[in-house]
């Protein structure tokens, strides 16, 4: 997944010239959070009871990465 994330972010920032990329993930998904933070994503917000899955409400964490954070 590290290699895939590296390719996606390089394309987003270097080819598409995006200023910002966002990620929305389950706060209980520790491996996903660790991968995103490894690439410079910062936690920007918690959305409580955002998704209804199989009759149960789940929270969501929003993370963001700016081009300048990715390149540093």
N, C-alpha and C. Protein backbone atom coordinates (compact mmCIF):
# COMPACT_ATOMS: atom_id res chain seq x y z
N UNK A 1 0.81 -1.19 0.00
CA UNK A 1 0.00 0.00 0.00
C UNK A 1 0.87 1.26 0.00
N UNK A 2 2.04 1.16 0.61
CA UNK A 2 2.95 2.31 0.64
C UNK A 2 3.33 2.73 -0.77
N UNK A 3 3.63 1.76 -1.62
CA UNK A 3 4.02 2.07 -3.00
C UNK A 3 2.86 2.70 -3.77
N UNK A 4 1.66 2.17 -3.57
CA UNK A 4 0.49 2.72 -4.25
C UNK A 4 0.22 4.16 -3.80
N UNK A 5 0.31 4.41 -2.50
CA UNK A 5 0.08 5.76 -1.98
C UNK A 5 1.12 6.73 -2.53
N UNK A 6 2.34 6.30 -2.61
CA UNK A 6 3.41 7.13 -3.15
C UNK A 6 3.12 7.52 -4.60
N UNK A 7 2.67 6.57 -5.39
CA UNK A 7 2.35 6.84 -6.80
C UNK A 7 1.15 7.77 -6.94
N UNK A 8 0.12 7.55 -6.15
CA UNK A 8 -1.08 8.38 -6.22
C UNK A 8 -0.76 9.82 -5.84
N UNK A 9 -0.02 10.01 -4.75
CA UNK A 9 0.30 11.37 -4.31
C UNK A 9 1.26 12.07 -5.26
N UNK A 10 2.22 11.34 -5.81
CA UNK A 10 3.12 11.94 -6.78
C UNK A 10 2.33 12.42 -8.01
N UNK A 11 1.39 11.61 -8.45
CA UNK A 11 0.56 12.00 -9.59
C UNK A 11 -0.30 13.22 -9.23
N UNK A 12 -0.92 13.18 -8.06
CA UNK A 12 -1.81 14.27 -7.64
C UNK A 12 -1.07 15.60 -7.53
N UNK A 13 0.09 15.58 -6.91
CA UNK A 13 0.81 16.83 -6.67
C UNK A 13 1.73 17.24 -7.82
N UNK A 14 2.39 16.28 -8.45
CA UNK A 14 3.37 16.62 -9.48
C UNK A 14 2.75 16.75 -10.87
N UNK A 15 1.81 15.89 -11.21
CA UNK A 15 1.21 15.91 -12.54
C UNK A 15 -0.05 16.79 -12.59
N UNK A 16 -0.95 16.57 -11.64
CA UNK A 16 -2.20 17.34 -11.64
C UNK A 16 -2.04 18.71 -10.99
N UNK A 17 -0.92 18.90 -10.29
CA UNK A 17 -0.63 20.18 -9.62
C UNK A 17 -1.70 20.54 -8.58
N UNK A 18 -2.23 19.51 -7.90
CA UNK A 18 -3.20 19.78 -6.84
C UNK A 18 -2.50 20.44 -5.66
N UNK A 19 -3.23 21.25 -4.95
CA UNK A 19 -2.70 21.91 -3.76
C UNK A 19 -2.98 21.07 -2.52
N UNK A 20 -4.05 20.26 -2.58
CA UNK A 20 -4.52 19.54 -1.40
C UNK A 20 -5.15 18.22 -1.79
N UNK A 21 -4.91 17.19 -0.97
CA UNK A 21 -5.56 15.89 -1.11
C UNK A 21 -6.18 15.57 0.25
N UNK A 22 -7.40 15.04 0.24
CA UNK A 22 -8.09 14.70 1.48
C UNK A 22 -8.32 13.20 1.57
N UNK A 23 -8.40 12.72 2.80
CA UNK A 23 -8.71 11.31 3.05
C UNK A 23 -9.75 11.24 4.16
N UNK A 24 -10.65 10.30 4.03
CA UNK A 24 -11.72 10.08 4.99
C UNK A 24 -11.65 8.61 5.38
N UNK A 25 -11.41 8.32 6.66
CA UNK A 25 -11.24 6.92 7.06
C UNK A 25 -11.87 6.64 8.42
N UNK A 26 -12.03 5.40 8.72
CA UNK A 26 -12.57 4.95 10.00
C UNK A 26 -11.51 5.18 11.08
N UNK A 27 -11.84 5.85 12.18
CA UNK A 27 -10.85 6.11 13.22
C UNK A 27 -10.32 4.84 13.89
N UNK A 28 -11.01 3.72 13.69
CA UNK A 28 -10.54 2.45 14.26
C UNK A 28 -9.59 1.71 13.31
N UNK A 29 -9.40 2.24 12.10
CA UNK A 29 -8.51 1.61 11.13
C UNK A 29 -7.10 2.17 11.33
N UNK A 30 -6.42 1.65 12.32
CA UNK A 30 -5.09 2.14 12.71
C UNK A 30 -4.07 2.03 11.58
N UNK A 31 -4.02 0.92 10.82
CA UNK A 31 -3.04 0.85 9.72
C UNK A 31 -3.26 1.95 8.66
N UNK A 32 -4.50 2.25 8.33
CA UNK A 32 -4.77 3.31 7.35
C UNK A 32 -4.33 4.67 7.88
N UNK A 33 -4.65 4.95 9.13
CA UNK A 33 -4.24 6.22 9.74
C UNK A 33 -2.72 6.35 9.76
N UNK A 34 -2.04 5.28 10.11
CA UNK A 34 -0.57 5.30 10.15
C UNK A 34 0.02 5.56 8.77
N UNK A 35 -0.54 4.93 7.74
CA UNK A 35 -0.05 5.14 6.37
C UNK A 35 -0.27 6.59 5.93
N UNK A 36 -1.45 7.11 6.17
CA UNK A 36 -1.74 8.49 5.78
C UNK A 36 -0.82 9.47 6.50
N UNK A 37 -0.63 9.28 7.78
CA UNK A 37 0.24 10.19 8.54
C UNK A 37 1.70 10.06 8.10
N UNK A 38 2.10 8.88 7.69
CA UNK A 38 3.46 8.67 7.17
C UNK A 38 3.73 9.55 5.94
N UNK A 39 2.67 9.82 5.16
CA UNK A 39 2.80 10.62 3.95
C UNK A 39 2.47 12.09 4.16
N UNK A 40 2.36 12.51 5.40
CA UNK A 40 2.17 13.93 5.68
C UNK A 40 0.75 14.38 5.91
N UNK A 41 -0.20 13.45 5.93
CA UNK A 41 -1.58 13.82 6.20
C UNK A 41 -1.73 14.18 7.67
N UNK A 42 -2.50 15.21 7.93
CA UNK A 42 -2.79 15.65 9.30
C UNK A 42 -4.28 15.47 9.57
N UNK A 43 -4.59 15.06 10.79
CA UNK A 43 -6.00 14.92 11.19
C UNK A 43 -6.61 16.31 11.32
N UNK A 44 -7.74 16.49 10.66
CA UNK A 44 -8.38 17.81 10.65
C UNK A 44 -9.77 17.80 11.25
N UNK A 45 -10.35 16.63 11.45
CA UNK A 45 -11.68 16.63 12.03
C UNK A 45 -12.22 15.23 12.24
N UNK A 46 -13.17 15.15 13.17
CA UNK A 46 -13.88 13.91 13.45
C UNK A 46 -15.35 14.15 13.17
N UNK A 47 -15.91 13.31 12.33
CA UNK A 47 -17.34 13.36 12.04
C UNK A 47 -18.01 12.23 12.81
N UNK A 48 -18.80 12.61 13.79
CA UNK A 48 -19.47 11.60 14.61
C UNK A 48 -20.71 11.07 13.92
N UNK A 49 -20.92 9.77 14.06
CA UNK A 49 -22.09 9.09 13.48
C UNK A 49 -22.30 9.49 12.02
N UNK A 50 -21.26 9.36 11.23
CA UNK A 50 -21.31 9.79 9.83
C UNK A 50 -21.87 8.73 8.89
N UNK A 51 -21.51 7.48 9.11
CA UNK A 51 -21.91 6.41 8.19
C UNK A 51 -22.76 5.37 8.90
N UNK A 52 -23.86 4.99 8.30
CA UNK A 52 -24.69 3.92 8.81
C UNK A 52 -24.34 2.65 8.04
N UNK A 53 -23.76 1.69 8.76
CA UNK A 53 -23.32 0.43 8.13
C UNK A 53 -23.95 -0.73 8.89
N UNK A 54 -24.75 -1.51 8.19
CA UNK A 54 -25.41 -2.67 8.79
C UNK A 54 -26.16 -2.30 10.07
N UNK A 55 -26.84 -1.16 10.05
CA UNK A 55 -27.66 -0.74 11.17
C UNK A 55 -26.91 -0.11 12.33
N UNK A 56 -25.61 0.14 12.17
CA UNK A 56 -24.81 0.73 13.24
C UNK A 56 -24.12 1.99 12.72
N UNK A 57 -24.15 3.06 13.51
CA UNK A 57 -23.50 4.32 13.12
C UNK A 57 -22.01 4.28 13.43
N UNK A 58 -21.21 4.82 12.49
CA UNK A 58 -19.76 4.83 12.63
C UNK A 58 -19.22 6.25 12.46
N UNK A 59 -18.16 6.54 13.18
CA UNK A 59 -17.47 7.83 13.05
C UNK A 59 -16.55 7.81 11.85
N UNK A 60 -16.06 8.97 11.50
CA UNK A 60 -15.13 9.12 10.37
C UNK A 60 -14.11 10.20 10.71
N UNK A 61 -12.86 9.96 10.35
CA UNK A 61 -11.80 10.95 10.55
C UNK A 61 -11.43 11.55 9.20
N UNK A 62 -11.36 12.88 9.15
CA UNK A 62 -10.94 13.58 7.93
C UNK A 62 -9.48 13.99 8.11
N UNK A 63 -8.67 13.69 7.11
CA UNK A 63 -7.27 14.08 7.11
C UNK A 63 -6.98 14.85 5.83
N UNK A 64 -6.00 15.73 5.88
CA UNK A 64 -5.62 16.49 4.71
C UNK A 64 -4.12 16.55 4.55
N UNK A 65 -3.68 16.63 3.31
CA UNK A 65 -2.26 16.76 3.01
C UNK A 65 -2.10 17.86 1.95
N UNK A 66 -1.31 18.85 2.28
CA UNK A 66 -1.00 19.91 1.32
C UNK A 66 0.25 19.53 0.54
N UNK A 67 0.36 20.04 -0.66
CA UNK A 67 1.51 19.73 -1.50
C UNK A 67 2.81 20.04 -0.78
N UNK A 68 2.85 21.15 -0.07
CA UNK A 68 4.10 21.53 0.63
C UNK A 68 4.42 20.55 1.75
N UNK A 69 3.41 19.95 2.39
CA UNK A 69 3.67 18.94 3.43
C UNK A 69 4.20 17.66 2.82
N UNK A 70 3.66 17.29 1.68
CA UNK A 70 4.07 16.05 1.00
C UNK A 70 5.52 16.15 0.54
N UNK A 71 5.91 17.30 0.04
CA UNK A 71 7.25 17.46 -0.51
C UNK A 71 8.33 17.60 0.57
N UNK A 72 7.93 17.95 1.78
CA UNK A 72 8.94 18.16 2.83
C UNK A 72 9.34 16.89 3.53
